[in-house]
Amino acid sequence: KPSSDGLAVSDFTGQQRYGLNSSQSYFLLDCYAMCKLGRDSI
């Protein structure tokens, strides 16, 4: 971790708050692209 999560979310101290692969049934092997959506989503 956090790489193995595929997509990781941290606060401004670098503390990980969420990891996709360890938090959901979906498994991400490679994230080809991402972007912001609205004010609170990606």
Full PDB file with SEQRES, HELIX, SHEET, SSBOND, CRYST1, ORIGX, SCALE, CONECT and MASTER records, all heavy atoms in Angstrom:
SEQRES   1 A   42  LYS PRO SER SER ASP GLY LEU ALA VAL SER ASP PHE THR          
SEQRES   2 A   42  GLY GLN GLN ARG TYR GLY LEU ASN SER SER GLN SER TYR          
SEQRES   3 A   42  PHE LEU LEU ASP CYS TYR ALA MET CYS LYS LEU GLY ARG          
SEQRES   4 A   42  ASP SER ILE                                                  
HELIX    1 AA1 SER A    3  ASP A    5  5                                   3    
HELIX    2 AA2 LEU A   20  SER A   23  1                                   4    
SHEET    1 AA1 2 ALA A   8  SER A  10  0                                        
SHEET    2 AA1 2 GLN A  16  GLY A  19 -1                                        
CRYST1    1.000    1.000    1.000  90.00  90.00  90.00 P 1           1          
ORIGX1      1.000000  0.000000  0.000000        0.00000                         
ORIGX2      0.000000  1.000000  0.000000        0.00000                         
ORIGX3      0.000000  0.000000  1.000000        0.00000                         
SCALE1      1.000000  0.000000  0.000000        0.00000                         
SCALE2      0.000000  1.000000  0.000000        0.00000                         
SCALE3      0.000000  0.000000  1.000000        0.00000                         
ATOM      1  N   LYS A   1       0.828  -1.203   0.000  1.00  0.00           N  
ATOM      2  CA  LYS A   1       0.000   0.000   0.000  1.00  0.00           C  
ATOM      3  C   LYS A   1       0.869   1.263   0.000  1.00  0.00           C  
ATOM      4  O   LYS A   1       1.982   1.233   0.517  1.00  0.00           O  
ATOM      5  CB  LYS A   1      -0.904   0.002   1.241  1.00  0.00           C  
ATOM      6  CG  LYS A   1      -2.071  -0.954   1.140  1.00  0.00           C  
ATOM      7  CD  LYS A   1      -3.059  -0.664   2.253  1.00  0.00           C  
ATOM      8  CE  LYS A   1      -4.325  -1.469   2.073  1.00  0.00           C  
ATOM      9  NZ  LYS A   1      -5.385  -1.054   3.003  1.00  0.00           N  
ATOM     10  N   PRO A   2       0.375   2.363  -0.570  1.00  0.00           N  
ATOM     11  CA  PRO A   2      -0.949   2.515  -1.172  1.00  0.00           C  
ATOM     12  C   PRO A   2      -1.042   2.062  -2.631  1.00  0.00           C  
ATOM     13  O   PRO A   2      -2.122   2.001  -3.187  1.00  0.00           O  
ATOM     14  CB  PRO A   2      -1.195   4.017  -1.064  1.00  0.00           C  
ATOM     15  CG  PRO A   2       0.175   4.615  -1.189  1.00  0.00           C  
ATOM     16  CD  PRO A   2       1.098   3.661  -0.478  1.00  0.00           C  
ATOM     17  N   SER A   3       0.105   1.714  -3.251  1.00  0.00           N  
ATOM     18  CA  SER A   3       0.102   1.372  -4.684  1.00  0.00           C  
ATOM     19  C   SER A   3      -0.842   0.219  -5.006  1.00  0.00           C  
ATOM     20  O   SER A   3      -1.541   0.237  -6.022  1.00  0.00           O  
ATOM     21  CB  SER A   3       1.514   1.000  -5.142  1.00  0.00           C  
ATOM     22  OG  SER A   3       2.457   1.939  -4.719  1.00  0.00           O  
ATOM     23  N   SER A   4      -0.865  -0.802  -4.147  1.00  0.00           N  
ATOM     24  CA  SER A   4      -1.661  -1.985  -4.431  1.00  0.00           C  
ATOM     25  C   SER A   4      -3.153  -1.699  -4.457  1.00  0.00           C  
ATOM     26  O   SER A   4      -3.936  -2.506  -4.955  1.00  0.00           O  
ATOM     27  CB  SER A   4      -1.363  -3.072  -3.389  1.00  0.00           C  
ATOM     28  OG  SER A   4      -1.667  -2.621  -2.081  1.00  0.00           O  
ATOM     29  N   ASP A   5      -3.555  -0.562  -3.940  1.00  0.00           N  
ATOM     30  CA  ASP A   5      -4.972  -0.191  -3.978  1.00  0.00           C  
ATOM     31  C   ASP A   5      -5.401   0.312  -5.351  1.00  0.00           C  
ATOM     32  O   ASP A   5      -6.596   0.481  -5.598  1.00  0.00           O  
ATOM     33  CB  ASP A   5      -5.273   0.871  -2.923  1.00  0.00           C  
ATOM     34  CG  ASP A   5      -5.545   0.254  -1.559  1.00  0.00           C  
ATOM     35  OD1 ASP A   5      -6.213  -0.791  -1.510  1.00  0.00           O  
ATOM     36  OD2 ASP A   5      -5.098   0.813  -0.551  1.00  0.00           O  
ATOM     37  N   GLY A   6      -4.455   0.593  -6.236  1.00  0.00           N  
ATOM     38  CA  GLY A   6      -4.796   1.046  -7.580  1.00  0.00           C  
ATOM     39  C   GLY A   6      -5.216   2.488  -7.638  1.00  0.00           C  
ATOM     40  O   GLY A   6      -4.838   3.242  -8.539  1.00  0.00           O  
ATOM     41  N   LEU A   7      -5.996   2.909  -6.669  1.00  0.00           N  
ATOM     42  CA  LEU A   7      -6.424   4.302  -6.518  1.00  0.00           C  
ATOM     43  C   LEU A   7      -6.542   4.561  -5.027  1.00  0.00           C  
ATOM     44  O   LEU A   7      -7.260   3.855  -4.305  1.00  0.00           O  
ATOM     45  CB  LEU A   7      -7.757   4.545  -7.229  1.00  0.00           C  
ATOM     46  CG  LEU A   7      -8.210   6.002  -7.354  1.00  0.00           C  
ATOM     47  CD1 LEU A   7      -9.016   6.191  -8.638  1.00  0.00           C  
ATOM     48  CD2 LEU A   7      -9.035   6.441  -6.149  1.00  0.00           C  
ATOM     49  N   ALA A   8      -5.791   5.537  -4.533  1.00  0.00           N  
ATOM     50  CA  ALA A   8      -5.726   5.809  -3.098  1.00  0.00           C  
ATOM     51  C   ALA A   8      -6.049   7.268  -2.824  1.00  0.00           C  
ATOM     52  O   ALA A   8      -5.668   8.155  -3.598  1.00  0.00           O  
ATOM     53  CB  ALA A   8      -4.339   5.470  -2.554  1.00  0.00           C  
ATOM     54  N   VAL A   9      -6.737   7.511  -1.723  1.00  0.00           N  
ATOM     55  CA  VAL A   9      -7.112   8.861  -1.315  1.00  0.00           C  
ATOM     56  C   VAL A   9      -6.476   9.162   0.035  1.00  0.00           C  
ATOM     57  O   VAL A   9      -6.605   8.367   0.980  1.00  0.00           O  
ATOM     58  CB  VAL A   9      -8.639   9.017  -1.219  1.00  0.00           C  
ATOM     59  CG1 VAL A   9      -9.001  10.455  -0.845  1.00  0.00           C  
ATOM     60  CG2 VAL A   9      -9.310   8.629  -2.535  1.00  0.00           C  
ATOM     61  N   SER A  10      -5.789  10.309   0.126  1.00  0.00           N  
ATOM     62  CA  SER A  10      -5.127  10.721   1.363  1.00  0.00           C  
ATOM     63  C   SER A  10      -5.549  12.134   1.730  1.00  0.00           C  
ATOM     64  O   SER A  10      -6.006  12.908   0.877  1.00  0.00           O  
ATOM     65  CB  SER A  10      -3.606  10.677   1.207  1.00  0.00           C  
ATOM     66  OG  SER A  10      -3.165   9.386   0.837  1.00  0.00           O  
ATOM     67  N   ASP A  11      -5.365  12.490   3.006  1.00  0.00           N  
ATOM     68  CA  ASP A  11      -5.594  13.871   3.404  1.00  0.00           C  
ATOM     69  C   ASP A  11      -4.322  14.681   3.158  1.00  0.00           C  
ATOM     70  O   ASP A  11      -3.328  14.165   2.629  1.00  0.00           O  
ATOM     71  CB  ASP A  11      -6.067  13.950   4.865  1.00  0.00           C  
ATOM     72  CG  ASP A  11      -5.054  13.379   5.862  1.00  0.00           C  
ATOM     73  OD1 ASP A  11      -3.845  13.322   5.538  1.00  0.00           O  
ATOM     74  OD2 ASP A  11      -5.480  12.984   6.968  1.00  0.00           O  
ATOM     75  N   PHE A  12      -4.337  15.941   3.569  1.00  0.00           N  
ATOM     76  CA  PHE A  12      -3.208  16.821   3.284  1.00  0.00           C  
ATOM     77  C   PHE A  12      -2.010  16.578   4.204  1.00  0.00           C  
ATOM     78  O   PHE A  12      -1.007  17.281   4.104  1.00  0.00           O  
ATOM     79  CB  PHE A  12      -3.642  18.281   3.362  1.00  0.00           C  
ATOM     80  CG  PHE A  12      -4.368  18.768   2.129  1.00  0.00           C  
ATOM     81  CD1 PHE A  12      -4.684  17.899   1.097  1.00  0.00           C  
ATOM     82  CD2 PHE A  12      -4.744  20.104   2.001  1.00  0.00           C  
ATOM     83  CE1 PHE A  12      -5.358  18.346  -0.041  1.00  0.00           C  
ATOM     84  CE2 PHE A  12      -5.398  20.561   0.871  1.00  0.00           C  
ATOM     85  CZ  PHE A  12      -5.721  19.683  -0.148  1.00  0.00           C  
ATOM     86  N   THR A  13      -2.094  15.580   5.092  1.00  0.00           N  
ATOM     87  CA  THR A  13      -0.913  15.163   5.854  1.00  0.00           C  
ATOM     88  C   THR A  13      -0.294  13.910   5.245  1.00  0.00           C  
ATOM     89  O   THR A  13       0.709  13.409   5.756  1.00  0.00           O  
ATOM     90  CB  THR A  13      -1.268  14.873   7.328  1.00  0.00           C  
ATOM     91  OG1 THR A  13      -2.072  13.682   7.408  1.00  0.00           O  
ATOM     92  CG2 THR A  13      -2.014  16.033   7.947  1.00  0.00           C  
ATOM     93  N   GLY A  14      -0.910  13.375   4.181  1.00  0.00           N  
ATOM     94  CA  GLY A  14      -0.425  12.151   3.567  1.00  0.00           C  
ATOM     95  C   GLY A  14      -1.006  10.894   4.175  1.00  0.00           C  
ATOM     96  O   GLY A  14      -0.636   9.783   3.771  1.00  0.00           O  
ATOM     97  N   GLN A  15      -1.928  11.028   5.113  1.00  0.00           N  
ATOM     98  CA  GLN A  15      -2.557   9.873   5.748  1.00  0.00           C  
ATOM     99  C   GLN A  15      -3.609   9.281   4.821  1.00  0.00           C  
ATOM    100  O   GLN A  15      -4.537   9.968   4.421  1.00  0.00           O  
ATOM    101  CB  GLN A  15      -3.208  10.292   7.071  1.00  0.00           C  
ATOM    102  CG  GLN A  15      -3.876   9.166   7.839  1.00  0.00           C  
ATOM    103  CD  GLN A  15      -2.883   8.150   8.380  1.00  0.00           C  
ATOM    104  OE1 GLN A  15      -1.801   8.526   8.833  1.00  0.00           O  
ATOM    105  NE2 GLN A  15      -3.232   6.883   8.323  1.00  0.00           N  
ATOM    106  N   GLN A  16      -3.463   7.992   4.474  1.00  0.00           N  
ATOM    107  CA  GLN A  16      -4.409   7.368   3.558  1.00  0.00           C  
ATOM    108  C   GLN A  16      -5.769   7.194   4.226  1.00  0.00           C  
ATOM    109  O   GLN A  16      -5.886   6.666   5.324  1.00  0.00           O  
ATOM    110  CB  GLN A  16      -3.897   6.005   3.068  1.00  0.00           C  
ATOM    111  CG  GLN A  16      -4.801   5.385   2.004  1.00  0.00           C  
ATOM    112  CD  GLN A  16      -4.255   4.098   1.442  1.00  0.00           C  
ATOM    113  OE1 GLN A  16      -3.113   3.724   1.707  1.00  0.00           O  
ATOM    114  NE2 GLN A  16      -5.052   3.396   0.639  1.00  0.00           N  
ATOM    115  N   ARG A  17      -6.819   7.629   3.508  1.00  0.00           N  
ATOM    116  CA  ARG A  17      -8.186   7.538   3.999  1.00  0.00           C  
ATOM    117  C   ARG A  17      -9.010   6.491   3.267  1.00  0.00           C  
ATOM    118  O   ARG A  17     -10.025   6.026   3.778  1.00  0.00           O  
ATOM    119  CB  ARG A  17      -8.879   8.906   3.870  1.00  0.00           C  
ATOM    120  CG  ARG A  17      -8.229  10.019   4.684  1.00  0.00           C  
ATOM    121  CD  ARG A  17      -8.232   9.703   6.157  1.00  0.00           C  
ATOM    122  NE  ARG A  17      -7.694  10.806   6.958  1.00  0.00           N  
ATOM    123  CZ  ARG A  17      -7.473  10.729   8.253  1.00  0.00           C  
ATOM    124  NH1 ARG A  17      -7.723   9.588   8.896  1.00  0.00           N  
ATOM    125  NH2 ARG A  17      -6.985  11.753   8.913  1.00  0.00           N  
ATOM    126  N   TYR A  18      -8.570   6.130   2.059  1.00  0.00           N  
ATOM    127  CA  TYR A  18      -9.360   5.196   1.246  1.00  0.00           C  
ATOM    128  C   TYR A  18      -8.435   4.514   0.241  1.00  0.00           C  
ATOM    129  O   TYR A  18      -7.509   5.134  -0.287  1.00  0.00           O  
ATOM    130  CB  TYR A  18     -10.459   5.958   0.504  1.00  0.00           C  
ATOM    131  CG  TYR A  18     -11.205   5.139  -0.532  1.00  0.00           C  
ATOM    132  CD1 TYR A  18     -12.299   4.360  -0.179  1.00  0.00           C  
ATOM    133  CD2 TYR A  18     -10.798   5.148  -1.870  1.00  0.00           C  
ATOM    134  CE1 TYR A  18     -12.974   3.613  -1.132  1.00  0.00           C  
ATOM    135  CE2 TYR A  18     -11.474   4.399  -2.822  1.00  0.00           C  
ATOM    136  CZ  TYR A  18     -12.555   3.635  -2.448  1.00  0.00           C  
ATOM    137  OH  TYR A  18     -13.215   2.883  -3.386  1.00  0.00           O  
ATOM    138  N   GLY A  19      -8.694   3.241   0.000  1.00  0.00           N  
ATOM    139  CA  GLY A  19      -8.005   2.505  -1.053  1.00  0.00           C  
ATOM    140  C   GLY A  19      -9.012   1.664  -1.810  1.00  0.00           C  
ATOM    141  O   GLY A  19      -9.753   0.884  -1.192  1.00  0.00           O  
ATOM    142  N   LEU A  20      -9.051   1.809  -3.125  1.00  0.00           N  
ATOM    143  CA  LEU A  20     -10.116   1.164  -3.894  1.00  0.00           C  
ATOM    144  C   LEU A  20     -10.038  -0.357  -3.806  1.00  0.00           C  
ATOM    145  O   LEU A  20     -11.020  -1.021  -3.490  1.00  0.00           O  
ATOM    146  CB  LEU A  20     -10.062   1.625  -5.356  1.00  0.00           C  
ATOM    147  CG  LEU A  20     -11.263   1.235  -6.218  1.00  0.00           C  
ATOM    148  CD1 LEU A  20     -11.535   2.311  -7.264  1.00  0.00           C  
ATOM    149  CD2 LEU A  20     -11.063  -0.096  -6.924  1.00  0.00           C  
ATOM    150  N   ASN A  21      -8.887  -0.943  -4.090  1.00  0.00           N  
ATOM    151  CA  ASN A  21      -8.809  -2.408  -4.149  1.00  0.00           C  
ATOM    152  C   ASN A  21      -9.055  -3.071  -2.803  1.00  0.00           C  
ATOM    153  O   ASN A  21      -9.526  -4.207  -2.742  1.00  0.00           O  
ATOM    154  CB  ASN A  21      -7.457  -2.845  -4.713  1.00  0.00           C  
ATOM    155  CG  ASN A  21      -7.373  -2.640  -6.216  1.00  0.00           C  
ATOM    156  OD1 ASN A  21      -8.380  -2.442  -6.888  1.00  0.00           O  
ATOM    157  ND2 ASN A  21      -6.168  -2.684  -6.755  1.00  0.00           N  
ATOM    158  N   SER A  22      -8.744  -2.386  -1.711  1.00  0.00           N  
ATOM    159  CA  SER A  22      -8.957  -2.984  -0.399  1.00  0.00           C  
ATOM    160  C   SER A  22     -10.315  -2.624   0.191  1.00  0.00           C  
ATOM    161  O   SER A  22     -10.673  -3.138   1.251  1.00  0.00           O  
ATOM    162  CB  SER A  22      -7.853  -2.550   0.569  1.00  0.00           C  
ATOM    163  OG  SER A  22      -7.818  -1.150   0.703  1.00  0.00           O  
ATOM    164  N   SER A  23     -11.065  -1.760  -0.500  1.00  0.00           N  
ATOM    165  CA  SER A  23     -12.342  -1.304   0.048  1.00  0.00           C  
ATOM    166  C   SER A  23     -13.552  -1.758  -0.750  1.00  0.00           C  
ATOM    167  O   SER A  23     -14.674  -1.668  -0.273  1.00  0.00           O  
ATOM    168  CB  SER A  23     -12.362   0.226   0.137  1.00  0.00           C  
ATOM    169  OG  SER A  23     -11.298   0.698   0.922  1.00  0.00           O  
ATOM    170  N   GLN A  24     -13.351  -2.226  -1.967  1.00  0.00           N  
ATOM    171  CA  GLN A  24     -14.483  -2.553  -2.831  1.00  0.00           C  
ATOM    172  C   GLN A  24     -14.293  -3.941  -3.447  1.00  0.00           C  
ATOM    173  O   GLN A  24     -13.209  -4.503  -3.447  1.00  0.00           O  
ATOM    174  CB  GLN A  24     -14.609  -1.506  -3.960  1.00  0.00           C  
ATOM    175  CG  GLN A  24     -14.734  -0.079  -3.465  1.00  0.00           C  
ATOM    176  CD  GLN A  24     -16.083   0.196  -2.821  1.00  0.00           C  
ATOM    177  OE1 GLN A  24     -17.039  -0.539  -3.037  1.00  0.00           O  
ATOM    178  NE2 GLN A  24     -16.140   1.248  -2.029  1.00  0.00           N  
ATOM    179  N   SER A  25     -15.378  -4.454  -4.005  1.00  0.00           N  
ATOM    180  CA  SER A  25     -15.307  -5.743  -4.692  1.00  0.00           C  
ATOM    181  C   SER A  25     -14.646  -5.615  -6.056  1.00  0.00           C  
ATOM    182  O   SER A  25     -14.156  -6.591  -6.611  1.00  0.00           O  
ATOM    183  CB  SER A  25     -16.712  -6.341  -4.855  1.00  0.00           C  
ATOM    184  OG  SER A  25     -17.553  -5.445  -5.579  1.00  0.00           O  
ATOM    185  N   TYR A  26     -14.650  -4.387  -6.628  1.00  0.00           N  
ATOM    186  CA  TYR A  26     -14.003  -4.175  -7.924  1.00  0.00           C  
ATOM    187  C   TYR A  26     -12.490  -4.149  -7.763  1.00  0.00           C  
ATOM    188  O   TYR A  26     -11.965  -3.525  -6.827  1.00  0.00           O  
ATOM    189  CB  TYR A  26     -14.487  -2.867  -8.553  1.00  0.00           C  
ATOM    190  CG  TYR A  26     -13.813  -2.562  -9.871  1.00  0.00           C  
ATOM    191  CD1 TYR A  26     -14.233  -3.183 -11.036  1.00  0.00           C  
ATOM    192  CD2 TYR A  26     -12.733  -1.681  -9.935  1.00  0.00           C  
ATOM    193  CE1 TYR A  26     -13.605  -2.936 -12.237  1.00  0.00           C  
ATOM    194  CE2 TYR A  26     -12.108  -1.423 -11.135  1.00  0.00           C  
ATOM    195  CZ  TYR A  26     -12.541  -2.055 -12.286  1.00  0.00           C  
ATOM    196  OH  TYR A  26     -11.917  -1.806 -13.476  1.00  0.00           O  
ATOM    197  N   PHE A  27     -11.764  -4.816  -8.670  1.00  0.00           N  
ATOM    198  CA  PHE A  27     -10.305  -4.819  -8.621  1.00  0.00           C  
ATOM    199  C   PHE A  27      -9.747  -4.014  -9.790  1.00  0.00           C  
ATOM    200  O   PHE A  27     -10.048  -4.292 -10.949  1.00  0.00           O  
ATOM    201  CB  PHE A  27      -9.747  -6.241  -8.676  1.00  0.00           C  
ATOM    202  CG  PHE A  27      -8.236  -6.286  -8.642  1.00  0.00           C  
ATOM    203  CD1 PHE A  27      -7.563  -6.077  -7.451  1.00  0.00           C  
ATOM    204  CD2 PHE A  27      -7.506  -6.500  -9.797  1.00  0.00           C  
ATOM    205  CE1 PHE A  27      -6.170  -6.089  -7.402  1.00  0.00           C  
ATOM    206  CE2 PHE A  27      -6.115  -6.519  -9.761  1.00  0.00           C  
ATOM    207  CZ  PHE A  27      -5.446  -6.311  -8.565  1.00  0.00           C  
ATOM    208  N   LEU A  28      -8.934  -3.044  -9.484  1.00  0.00           N  
ATOM    209  CA  LEU A  28      -8.304  -2.177 -10.474  1.00  0.00           C  
ATOM    210  C   LEU A  28      -6.867  -2.636 -10.663  1.00  0.00           C  
ATOM    211  O   LEU A  28      -6.085  -2.656  -9.719  1.00  0.00           O  
ATOM    212  CB  LEU A  28      -8.354  -0.727  -9.983  1.00  0.00           C  
ATOM    213  CG  LEU A  28      -7.845   0.402 -10.877  1.00  0.00           C  
ATOM    214  CD1 LEU A  28      -8.434   1.735 -10.389  1.00  0.00           C  
ATOM    215  CD2 LEU A  28      -6.336   0.506 -10.883  1.00  0.00           C  
ATOM    216  N   LEU A  29      -6.502  -3.005 -11.893  1.00  0.00           N  
ATOM    217  CA  LEU A  29      -5.133  -3.415 -12.192  1.00  0.00           C  
ATOM    218  C   LEU A  29      -4.300  -2.259 -12.714  1.00  0.00           C  
ATOM    219  O   LEU A  29      -3.088  -2.195 -12.503  1.00  0.00           O  
ATOM    220  CB  LEU A  29      -5.126  -4.557 -13.212  1.00  0.00           C  
ATOM    221  CG  LEU A  29      -3.752  -5.106 -13.616  1.00  0.00           C  
ATOM    222  CD1 LEU A  29      -3.001  -5.637 -12.403  1.00  0.00           C  
ATOM    223  CD2 LEU A  29      -3.891  -6.206 -14.673  1.00  0.00           C  
ATOM    224  N   ASP A  30      -4.952  -1.285 -13.370  1.00  0.00           N  
ATOM    225  CA  ASP A  30      -4.253  -0.149 -13.961  1.00  0.00           C  
ATOM    226  C   ASP A  30      -5.267   0.964 -14.164  1.00  0.00           C  
ATOM    227  O   ASP A  30      -6.346   0.723 -14.708  1.00  0.00           O  
ATOM    228  CB  ASP A  30      -3.633  -0.550 -15.306  1.00  0.00           C  
ATOM    229  CG  ASP A  30      -2.613   0.464 -15.810  1.00  0.00           C  
ATOM    230  OD1 ASP A  30      -2.843   1.679 -15.638  1.00  0.00           O  
ATOM    231  OD2 ASP A  30      -1.591   0.050 -16.374  1.00  0.00           O  
ATOM    232  N   CYS A  31      -4.950   2.155 -13.720  1.00  0.00           N  
ATOM    233  CA  CYS A  31      -5.830   3.301 -13.937  1.00  0.00           C  
ATOM    234  C   CYS A  31      -5.319   4.079 -15.146  1.00  0.00           C  
ATOM    235  O   CYS A  31      -4.292   4.742 -15.074  1.00  0.00           O  
ATOM    236  CB  CYS A  31      -5.879   4.193 -12.706  1.00  0.00           C  
ATOM    237  SG  CYS A  31      -7.112   5.513 -12.839  1.00  0.00           S  
ATOM    238  N   TYR A  32      -6.027   3.976 -16.265  1.00  0.00           N  
ATOM    239  CA  TYR A  32      -5.582   4.625 -17.492  1.00  0.00           C  
ATOM    240  C   TYR A  32      -5.742   6.142 -17.443  1.00  0.00           C  
ATOM    241  O   TYR A  32      -4.948   6.869 -18.030  1.00  0.00           O  
ATOM    242  CB  TYR A  32      -6.361   4.065 -18.679  1.00  0.00           C  
ATOM    243  CG  TYR A  32      -5.764   2.816 -19.291  1.00  0.00           C  
ATOM    244  CD1 TYR A  32      -5.184   1.833 -18.496  1.00  0.00           C  
ATOM    245  CD2 TYR A  32      -5.785   2.608 -20.667  1.00  0.00           C  
ATOM    246  CE1 TYR A  32      -4.641   0.685 -19.049  1.00  0.00           C  
ATOM    247  CE2 TYR A  32      -5.246   1.455 -21.237  1.00  0.00           C  
ATOM    248  CZ  TYR A  32      -4.677   0.504 -20.416  1.00  0.00           C  
ATOM    249  OH  TYR A  32      -4.145  -0.636 -20.981  1.00  0.00           O  
ATOM    250  N   ALA A  33      -6.802   6.629 -16.767  1.00  0.00           N  
ATOM    251  CA  ALA A  33      -7.050   8.068 -16.733  1.00  0.00           C  
ATOM    252  C   ALA A  33      -8.029   8.386 -15.626  1.00  0.00           C  
ATOM    253  O   ALA A  33      -8.840   7.546 -15.233  1.00  0.00           O  
ATOM    254  CB  ALA A  33      -7.608   8.540 -18.075  1.00  0.00           C  
ATOM    255  N   MET A  34      -7.949   9.609 -15.117  1.00  0.00           N  
ATOM    256  CA  MET A  34      -8.955  10.079 -14.173  1.00  0.00           C  
ATOM    257  C   MET A  34      -9.067  11.593 -14.290  1.00  0.00           C  
ATOM    258  O   MET A  34      -8.193  12.268 -14.833  1.00  0.00           O  
ATOM    259  CB  MET A  34      -8.654   9.650 -12.737  1.00  0.00           C  
ATOM    260  CG  MET A  34      -7.411  10.205 -12.124  1.00  0.00           C  
ATOM    261  SD  MET A  34      -7.271   9.672 -10.368  1.00  0.00           S  
ATOM    262  CE  MET A  34      -5.738  10.507  -9.913  1.00  0.00           C  
ATOM    263  N   CYS A  35     -10.189  12.122 -13.781  1.00  0.00           N  
ATOM    264  CA  CYS A  35     -10.411  13.565 -13.807  1.00  0.00           C  
ATOM    265  C   CYS A  35     -11.391  13.930 -12.705  1.00  0.00           C  
ATOM    266  O   CYS A  35     -12.069  13.071 -12.133  1.00  0.00           O  
ATOM    267  CB  CYS A  35     -10.922  14.037 -15.168  1.00  0.00           C  
ATOM    268  SG  CYS A  35     -12.621  13.537 -15.534  1.00  0.00           S  
ATOM    269  N   LYS A  36     -11.477  15.215 -12.413  1.00  0.00           N  
ATOM    270  CA  LYS A  36     -12.413  15.707 -11.414  1.00  0.00           C  
ATOM    271  C   LYS A  36     -13.839  15.688 -11.970  1.00  0.00           C  
ATOM    272  O   LYS A  36     -14.059  15.866 -13.168  1.00  0.00           O  
ATOM    273  CB  LYS A  36     -12.048  17.127 -11.002  1.00  0.00           C  
ATOM    274  CG  LYS A  36     -10.679  17.259 -10.363  1.00  0.00           C  
ATOM    275  CD  LYS A  36     -10.357  18.712 -10.057  1.00  0.00           C  
ATOM    276  CE  LYS A  36      -8.950  18.879  -9.482  1.00  0.00           C  
ATOM    277  NZ  LYS A  36      -8.634  20.297  -9.194  1.00  0.00           N  
ATOM    278  N   LEU A  37     -14.796  15.487 -11.069  1.00  0.00           N  
ATOM    279  CA  LEU A  37     -16.213  15.554 -11.408  1.00  0.00           C  
ATOM    280  C   LEU A  37     -16.896  16.406 -10.356  1.00  0.00           C  
ATOM    281  O   LEU A  37     -16.939  16.019  -9.179  1.00  0.00           O  
ATOM    282  CB  LEU A  37     -16.834  14.159 -11.451  1.00  0.00           C  
ATOM    283  CG  LEU A  37     -18.343  14.106 -11.710  1.00  0.00           C  
ATOM    284  CD1 LEU A  37     -18.666  14.603 -13.119  1.00  0.00           C  
ATOM    285  CD2 LEU A  37     -18.881  12.688 -11.520  1.00  0.00           C  
ATOM    286  N   GLY A  38     -17.418  17.565 -10.770  1.00  0.00           N  
ATOM    287  CA  GLY A  38     -18.045  18.460  -9.807  1.00  0.00           C  
ATOM    288  C   GLY A  38     -17.048  18.937  -8.773  1.00  0.00           C  
ATOM    289  O   GLY A  38     -15.872  19.136  -9.059  1.00  0.00           O  
ATOM    290  N   ARG A  39     -17.539  19.073  -7.529  1.00  0.00           N  
ATOM    291  CA  ARG A  39     -16.684  19.582  -6.457  1.00  0.00           C  
ATOM    292  C   ARG A  39     -16.192  18.512  -5.492  1.00  0.00           C  
ATOM    293  O   ARG A  39     -15.276  18.766  -4.712  1.00  0.00           O  
ATOM    294  CB  ARG A  39     -17.434  20.661  -5.662  1.00  0.00           C  
ATOM    295  CG  ARG A  39     -17.728  21.918  -6.476  1.00  0.00           C  
ATOM    296  CD  ARG A  39     -18.342  22.984  -5.595  1.00  0.00           C  
ATOM    297  NE  ARG A  39     -18.555  24.234  -6.331  1.00  0.00           N  
ATOM    298  CZ  ARG A  39     -19.023  25.351  -5.773  1.00  0.00           C  
ATOM    299  NH1 ARG A  39     -19.320  25.367  -4.468  1.00  0.00           N  
ATOM    300  NH2 ARG A  39     -19.198  26.440  -6.505  1.00  0.00           N  
ATOM    301  N   ASP A  40     -16.824  17.327  -5.534  1.00  0.00           N  
ATOM    302  CA  ASP A  40     -16.460  16.345  -4.513  1.00  0.00           C  
ATOM    303  C   ASP A  40     -16.328  14.923  -5.037  1.00  0.00           C  
ATOM    304  O   ASP A  40     -16.334  13.974  -4.259  1.00  0.00           O  
ATOM    305  CB  ASP A  40     -17.484  16.372  -3.368  1.00  0.00           C  
ATOM    306  CG  ASP A  40     -18.882  15.979  -3.829  1.00  0.00           C  
ATOM    307  OD1 ASP A  40     -19.066  15.648  -5.010  1.00  0.00           O  
ATOM    308  OD2 ASP A  40     -19.797  15.994  -2.985  1.00  0.00           O  
ATOM    309  N   SER A  41     -16.181  14.750  -6.363  1.00  0.00           N  
ATOM    310  CA  SER A  41     -16.089  13.411  -6.940  1.00  0.00           C  
ATOM    311  C   SER A  41     -14.997  13.368  -7.993  1.00  0.00           C  
ATOM    312  O   SER A  41     -14.506  14.404  -8.455  1.00  0.00           O  
ATOM    313  CB  SER A  41     -17.420  12.995  -7.572  1.00  0.00           C  
ATOM    314  OG  SER A  41     -18.459  12.987  -6.617  1.00  0.00           O  
ATOM    315  N   ILE A  42     -14.604  12.143  -8.358  1.00  0.00           N  
ATOM    316  CA  ILE A  42     -13.676  11.947  -9.474  1.00  0.00           C  
ATOM    317  C   ILE A  42     -14.204  10.820 -10.358  1.00  0.00           C  
ATOM    318  O   ILE A  42     -14.975   9.968  -9.915  1.00  0.00           O  
ATOM    319  CB  ILE A  42     -12.241  11.625  -8.999  1.00  0.00           C  
ATOM    320  CG1 ILE A  42     -12.194  10.309  -8.190  1.00  0.00           C  
ATOM    321  CG2 ILE A  42     -11.676  12.759  -8.163  1.00  0.00           C  
ATOM    322  CD1 ILE A  42     -11.488   9.186  -8.893  1.00  0.00           C  
TER     323      ILE A  42                                                      
MASTER        0    0    0    2    2    0    0    6  322    1    0    4          
END                                                                             
